[in-house]
């Protein structure tokens, strides 16, 4: 069972062999880490939606999930300056062969990209990934917003990890064209083609076993993809905006070490319960 250790300036640390869960302000906590500590960092900060993010009541089987008090105000007057302080520390604690993924939506991603270009260097941005999902209500006065953006930056273009053999594959849409144009066509068709920078994965449905009740929970499929392709077993990973602990779940499932930070005690409780299966 995880243990709680008072540790200033942190509120609490919950530690086991491969996971460390820290409750406290992520900027203060990031400042306590040594340079180059982590091989992979994923950040899913608030999106500055101007609203309060809440868990909604939903049917689960024949019963109604208990209403959670978990919520957070997602509104900032100086969002980019607030985020900049944290990304600067993320850059410092990222290893020389490390990768950083910043997950946001259309509201602030263009400002965040300019900021990350300044901190990491524009040449160290590898990909702008688009997570496309097709679920939920449709807008009637504009094109429905059904995607998030994930920026991938590295510390050093010559050293970063990219495990090509771990990239997901999907069936060819035109196998007959492959047969007419490619050598070893049947082998290629059987293997499928690697996915691109557009990822088509559904959100975490309210009926899903994966669902924790956290209002902005991200699906394990996209986080496992990041973990498997951009790190190796035994690497040390970090999520400074841990939320429901999805990135920690993906990391532990694939034999990585993980540090998770969140200031909300209810989020910490969700993470502890979720990751208890790992010891």
Protein backbone atom coordinates (compact mmCIF):
# COMPACT_ATOMS: atom_id res chain seq x y z
CA UNK A 1 0.00 0.00 0.00
CA UNK A 2 1.20 3.52 -0.79
CA UNK A 3 2.51 5.58 2.10
CA UNK A 4 2.05 9.28 2.81
CA UNK A 5 5.13 11.31 3.74
CA UNK A 6 4.91 15.01 4.73
CA UNK A 7 7.55 16.83 2.70
CA UNK A 8 7.75 20.63 2.38
CA UNK A 9 6.99 22.36 0.01
CA UNK A 10 4.84 19.42 -0.99
CA UNK A 11 1.61 18.47 0.73
CA UNK A 12 1.97 14.70 0.52
CA UNK A 13 3.88 12.03 -1.36
CA UNK A 14 2.44 8.56 -1.93
CA UNK A 15 5.19 6.13 -2.91
CA UNK A 16 5.56 2.54 -4.02
CA UNK A 17 8.27 0.78 -5.99
CA UNK A 18 7.53 2.20 -9.45
CA UNK A 19 5.13 5.07 -8.78
CA UNK A 20 5.27 8.33 -6.88
CA UNK A 21 2.08 10.34 -6.44
CA UNK A 22 2.55 13.89 -5.15
CA UNK A 23 -0.13 16.28 -3.96
CA UNK A 24 0.84 19.91 -4.25
CA UNK A 25 1.54 22.83 -6.60
CA UNK A 26 3.29 21.42 -9.65
CA UNK A 27 5.53 24.47 -10.11
CA UNK A 28 6.92 24.19 -6.59
CA UNK A 29 7.35 20.44 -7.01
CA UNK A 30 9.02 20.69 -10.43
CA UNK A 31 11.56 23.08 -8.90
CA UNK A 32 12.67 20.33 -6.47
CA UNK A 33 13.63 17.87 -9.24
CA UNK A 34 17.19 17.65 -10.58
CA UNK A 35 18.07 18.54 -14.17
CA UNK A 36 17.43 15.85 -16.79
CA UNK A 37 15.46 13.56 -14.45
CA UNK A 38 12.77 12.30 -16.86
CA UNK A 39 12.86 10.56 -20.24
CA UNK A 40 9.23 11.35 -21.09
CA UNK A 41 6.89 14.07 -19.85
CA UNK A 42 3.21 14.36 -20.76
CA UNK A 43 1.25 17.46 -19.76
CA UNK A 44 -2.51 17.82 -20.03
CA UNK A 45 -3.06 21.21 -18.36
CA UNK A 46 -6.37 23.06 -18.01
CA UNK A 47 -7.55 24.28 -21.43
CA UNK A 48 -8.70 27.72 -20.20
CA UNK A 49 -12.26 27.04 -21.33
CA UNK A 50 -13.65 29.80 -19.14
CA UNK A 51 -15.90 27.33 -17.31
CA UNK A 52 -15.89 25.10 -14.25
CA UNK A 53 -15.15 21.51 -15.28
CA UNK A 54 -17.46 19.12 -13.44
CA UNK A 55 -18.28 15.45 -13.45
CA UNK A 56 -21.80 14.91 -14.75
CA UNK A 57 -24.29 12.32 -13.53
CA UNK A 58 -24.60 9.43 -15.93
CA UNK A 59 -26.21 6.03 -16.11
CA UNK A 60 -24.00 3.04 -15.47
CA UNK A 61 -25.81 -0.25 -15.92
CA UNK A 62 -29.13 0.09 -14.11
CA UNK A 63 -27.87 2.45 -11.44
CA UNK A 64 -26.79 6.05 -11.34
CA UNK A 65 -23.18 6.89 -10.51
CA UNK A 66 -22.75 8.74 -7.26
CA UNK A 67 -22.34 12.46 -7.85
CA UNK A 68 -18.73 13.47 -7.31
CA UNK A 69 -17.75 16.82 -5.83
CA UNK A 70 -14.68 16.79 -8.06
CA UNK A 71 -14.46 19.96 -10.14
CA UNK A 72 -11.99 22.68 -11.02
CA UNK A 73 -12.24 26.23 -12.30
CA UNK A 74 -10.79 26.29 -15.81
CA UNK A 75 -10.39 30.04 -16.22
CA UNK A 76 -7.18 32.07 -16.17
CA UNK A 77 -6.51 35.78 -16.71
CA UNK A 78 -2.86 35.14 -17.58
CA UNK A 79 -2.91 31.57 -18.84
CA UNK A 80 0.20 31.52 -21.05
CA UNK A 81 2.47 33.24 -18.47
CA UNK A 82 1.17 30.74 -15.88
CA UNK A 83 1.89 27.82 -18.21
CA UNK A 84 5.27 29.22 -19.31
CA UNK A 85 6.69 28.95 -15.78
CA UNK A 86 5.82 25.27 -15.70
CA UNK A 87 7.02 24.44 -19.21
CA UNK A 88 10.38 26.09 -18.47
CA UNK A 89 10.79 23.73 -15.51
CA UNK A 90 9.63 20.80 -17.65
CA UNK A 91 12.36 21.63 -20.17
CA UNK A 92 14.95 21.71 -17.39
CA UNK A 93 13.99 18.35 -15.88
CA UNK A 94 13.66 16.61 -19.27
CA UNK A 95 16.56 14.26 -20.09
CA UNK A 96 18.82 14.92 -23.09
CA UNK A 97 17.14 12.04 -24.96
CA UNK A 98 13.69 12.96 -23.67
CA UNK A 99 10.37 13.91 -25.26
CA UNK A 100 7.69 16.34 -24.08
CA UNK A 101 4.03 16.12 -25.11
CA UNK A 102 1.66 19.04 -24.51
CA UNK A 103 -2.04 18.20 -24.86
CA UNK A 104 -4.51 21.09 -25.40
CA UNK A 105 -7.39 22.18 -27.62
CA UNK A 106 -8.05 25.01 -30.07
CA UNK A 107 -8.49 27.76 -27.46
CA UNK A 108 -4.84 28.23 -26.47
CA UNK A 109 -2.76 25.77 -28.51
CA UNK A 110 -1.50 28.37 -31.01
CA UNK A 111 -0.19 30.60 -28.19
CA UNK A 112 1.25 27.57 -26.40
CA UNK A 113 3.12 26.47 -29.53
CA UNK A 114 4.84 29.85 -29.87
CA UNK A 115 5.78 29.64 -26.18
CA UNK A 116 7.16 26.09 -26.54
CA UNK A 117 9.10 27.12 -29.66
CA UNK A 118 10.82 29.78 -27.56
CA UNK A 119 11.62 27.41 -24.69
CA UNK A 120 12.56 24.22 -26.59
CA UNK A 121 13.66 25.80 -29.85
CA UNK A 122 11.46 25.76 -32.92
CA UNK A 123 13.68 23.14 -34.58
CA UNK A 124 12.98 20.72 -31.69
CA UNK A 125 9.29 20.40 -32.48
CA UNK A 126 8.79 17.04 -34.22
CA UNK A 127 5.02 16.72 -34.69
CA UNK A 128 1.68 18.39 -34.21
CA UNK A 129 -0.58 15.43 -33.47
CA UNK A 130 -4.35 15.65 -33.87
CA UNK A 131 -6.56 13.48 -31.68
CA UNK A 132 -9.88 13.22 -33.50
CA UNK A 133 -12.96 11.83 -31.77
CA UNK A 134 -16.56 11.51 -32.89
CA UNK A 135 -18.83 11.59 -29.87
CA UNK A 136 -21.15 14.03 -28.15
CA UNK A 137 -23.41 16.89 -29.16
CA UNK A 138 -23.13 18.71 -32.49
CA UNK A 139 -22.98 22.49 -32.84
CA UNK A 140 -25.70 24.17 -34.89
CA UNK A 141 -24.01 27.51 -35.60
CA UNK A 142 -20.44 26.39 -36.37
CA UNK A 143 -18.40 23.31 -37.31
CA UNK A 144 -18.44 20.99 -34.29
CA UNK A 145 -15.11 20.95 -32.44
CA UNK A 146 -14.12 17.28 -32.20
CA UNK A 147 -10.35 17.23 -31.89
CA UNK A 148 -7.50 18.08 -29.52
CA UNK A 149 -3.92 18.93 -30.44
CA UNK A 150 -0.82 17.31 -28.93
CA UNK A 151 2.55 18.99 -29.54
CA UNK A 152 5.67 16.80 -29.47
CA UNK A 153 8.99 18.46 -28.59
CA UNK A 154 12.39 16.89 -27.91
CA UNK A 155 15.45 18.07 -26.02
CA UNK A 156 17.93 16.93 -28.69
CA UNK A 157 17.07 16.01 -32.30
CA UNK A 158 19.90 13.46 -32.36
CA UNK A 159 18.97 11.53 -29.23
CA UNK A 160 15.22 11.16 -28.80
CA UNK A 161 13.37 7.84 -28.51
CA UNK A 162 11.00 6.70 -31.27
CA UNK A 163 10.21 2.97 -31.21
CA UNK A 164 8.91 2.51 -34.76
CA UNK A 165 8.09 -1.16 -34.17
CA UNK A 166 5.62 -0.10 -31.44
CA UNK A 167 3.59 2.19 -33.71
CA UNK A 168 -0.02 1.05 -34.16
CA UNK A 169 -1.01 -0.33 -37.55
CA UNK A 170 -4.35 -0.13 -39.34
CA UNK A 171 -5.71 -1.93 -42.42
CA UNK A 172 -5.06 -0.50 -45.87
CA UNK A 173 -8.16 1.17 -47.30
CA UNK A 174 -7.21 0.20 -50.86
CA UNK A 175 -5.55 -3.25 -50.66
CA UNK A 176 -6.05 -3.81 -54.40
CA UNK A 177 -3.86 -0.79 -55.11
CA UNK A 178 -1.17 -2.26 -52.85
CA UNK A 179 -1.34 -5.53 -54.79
CA UNK A 180 -0.82 -3.69 -58.08
CA UNK A 181 2.06 -1.48 -56.95
CA UNK A 182 4.03 -3.12 -54.13
CA UNK A 183 6.42 -6.01 -53.76
CA UNK A 184 5.46 -8.51 -51.04
CA UNK A 185 1.97 -7.05 -51.26
CA UNK A 186 0.20 -9.77 -49.26
CA UNK A 187 2.71 -9.43 -46.44
CA UNK A 188 2.22 -5.66 -46.39
CA UNK A 189 -1.56 -6.00 -46.40
CA UNK A 190 -1.48 -8.53 -43.57
CA UNK A 191 0.80 -6.26 -41.52
CA UNK A 192 -1.21 -3.10 -42.21
CA UNK A 193 0.14 0.43 -42.40
CA UNK A 194 1.38 2.64 -39.57
CA UNK A 195 -0.95 5.35 -38.32
CA UNK A 196 -0.24 9.00 -39.14
CA UNK A 197 -0.23 12.20 -37.09
CA UNK A 198 -4.05 12.08 -36.96
CA UNK A 199 -5.22 9.70 -34.23
CA UNK A 200 -8.81 8.49 -34.38
CA UNK A 201 -9.67 7.29 -30.88
CA UNK A 202 -12.93 7.71 -29.00
CA UNK A 203 -13.20 9.65 -25.76
CA UNK A 204 -13.74 7.72 -22.52
CA UNK A 205 -17.44 6.90 -22.68
CA UNK A 206 -19.55 7.18 -19.54
CA UNK A 207 -20.26 3.44 -19.75
CA UNK A 208 -16.61 2.46 -20.11
CA UNK A 209 -14.90 0.33 -17.45
CA UNK A 210 -12.01 2.78 -17.77
CA UNK A 211 -14.16 5.67 -16.57
CA UNK A 212 -13.13 7.22 -13.23
CA UNK A 213 -15.56 10.12 -13.10
CA UNK A 214 -12.80 12.73 -13.58
CA UNK A 215 -14.31 15.44 -15.84
CA UNK A 216 -11.45 15.70 -18.39
CA UNK A 217 -10.20 12.10 -18.42
CA UNK A 218 -8.21 11.09 -21.53
CA UNK A 219 -8.35 7.57 -23.04
CA UNK A 220 -5.68 5.02 -22.28
CA UNK A 221 -5.27 4.21 -25.97
CA UNK A 222 -3.57 7.50 -26.82
CA UNK A 223 -1.47 7.55 -23.65
CA UNK A 224 -0.28 3.96 -24.07
CA UNK A 225 0.72 4.89 -27.62
CA UNK A 226 2.88 7.76 -26.34
CA UNK A 227 4.43 5.59 -23.62
CA UNK A 228 5.26 2.63 -25.88
CA UNK A 229 6.66 4.64 -28.80
CA UNK A 230 8.52 7.37 -26.92
CA UNK A 231 10.06 5.57 -23.92
CA UNK A 232 11.59 2.27 -22.91
CA UNK A 233 10.93 -0.12 -20.00
CA UNK A 234 12.51 1.22 -16.82
CA UNK A 235 12.45 4.86 -17.97
CA UNK A 236 11.27 7.57 -15.59
CA UNK A 237 8.12 9.39 -16.72
CA UNK A 238 6.33 12.48 -15.39
CA UNK A 239 2.80 13.88 -15.55
CA UNK A 240 2.60 17.26 -13.75
CA UNK A 241 -1.17 17.58 -14.34
CA UNK A 242 -2.11 14.04 -13.37
CA UNK A 243 -5.90 14.41 -13.09
CA UNK A 244 -7.41 10.92 -13.22
CA UNK A 245 -4.01 9.19 -13.46
CA UNK A 246 -4.43 7.88 -17.02
CA UNK A 247 -0.81 8.54 -17.97
CA UNK A 248 0.32 6.76 -14.81
CA UNK A 249 -1.86 3.78 -15.68
CA UNK A 250 -0.30 3.62 -19.16
CA UNK A 251 3.23 3.96 -17.78
CA UNK A 252 2.88 1.23 -15.14
CA UNK A 253 1.12 -1.12 -17.53
CA UNK A 254 4.24 -1.00 -19.74
CA UNK A 255 6.86 -1.27 -16.98
CA UNK A 256 7.89 2.37 -16.69
CA UNK A 257 8.47 4.40 -13.52
CA UNK A 258 6.06 7.28 -13.05
CA UNK A 259 5.80 10.48 -11.03
CA UNK A 260 2.30 11.99 -10.91
CA UNK A 261 1.49 15.45 -9.53
CA UNK A 262 -1.87 17.04 -8.79
CA UNK A 263 -2.98 19.71 -6.35
CA UNK A 264 -6.55 18.45 -5.97
CA UNK A 265 -6.91 15.94 -3.10
CA UNK A 266 -9.88 14.28 -4.82
CA UNK A 267 -7.78 13.70 -7.93
CA UNK A 268 -5.09 12.14 -5.73
CA UNK A 269 -7.72 9.84 -4.23
CA UNK A 270 -8.87 8.75 -7.70
CA UNK A 271 -5.27 8.11 -8.78
CA UNK A 272 -4.48 6.04 -5.69
CA UNK A 273 -7.54 3.85 -6.17
CA UNK A 274 -6.93 3.48 -9.89
CA UNK A 275 -3.28 2.52 -9.58
CA UNK A 276 -3.67 0.26 -6.53
CA UNK A 277 -3.74 -2.73 -8.91
CA UNK A 278 -0.03 -2.15 -9.55
CA UNK A 279 0.87 -2.69 -5.90
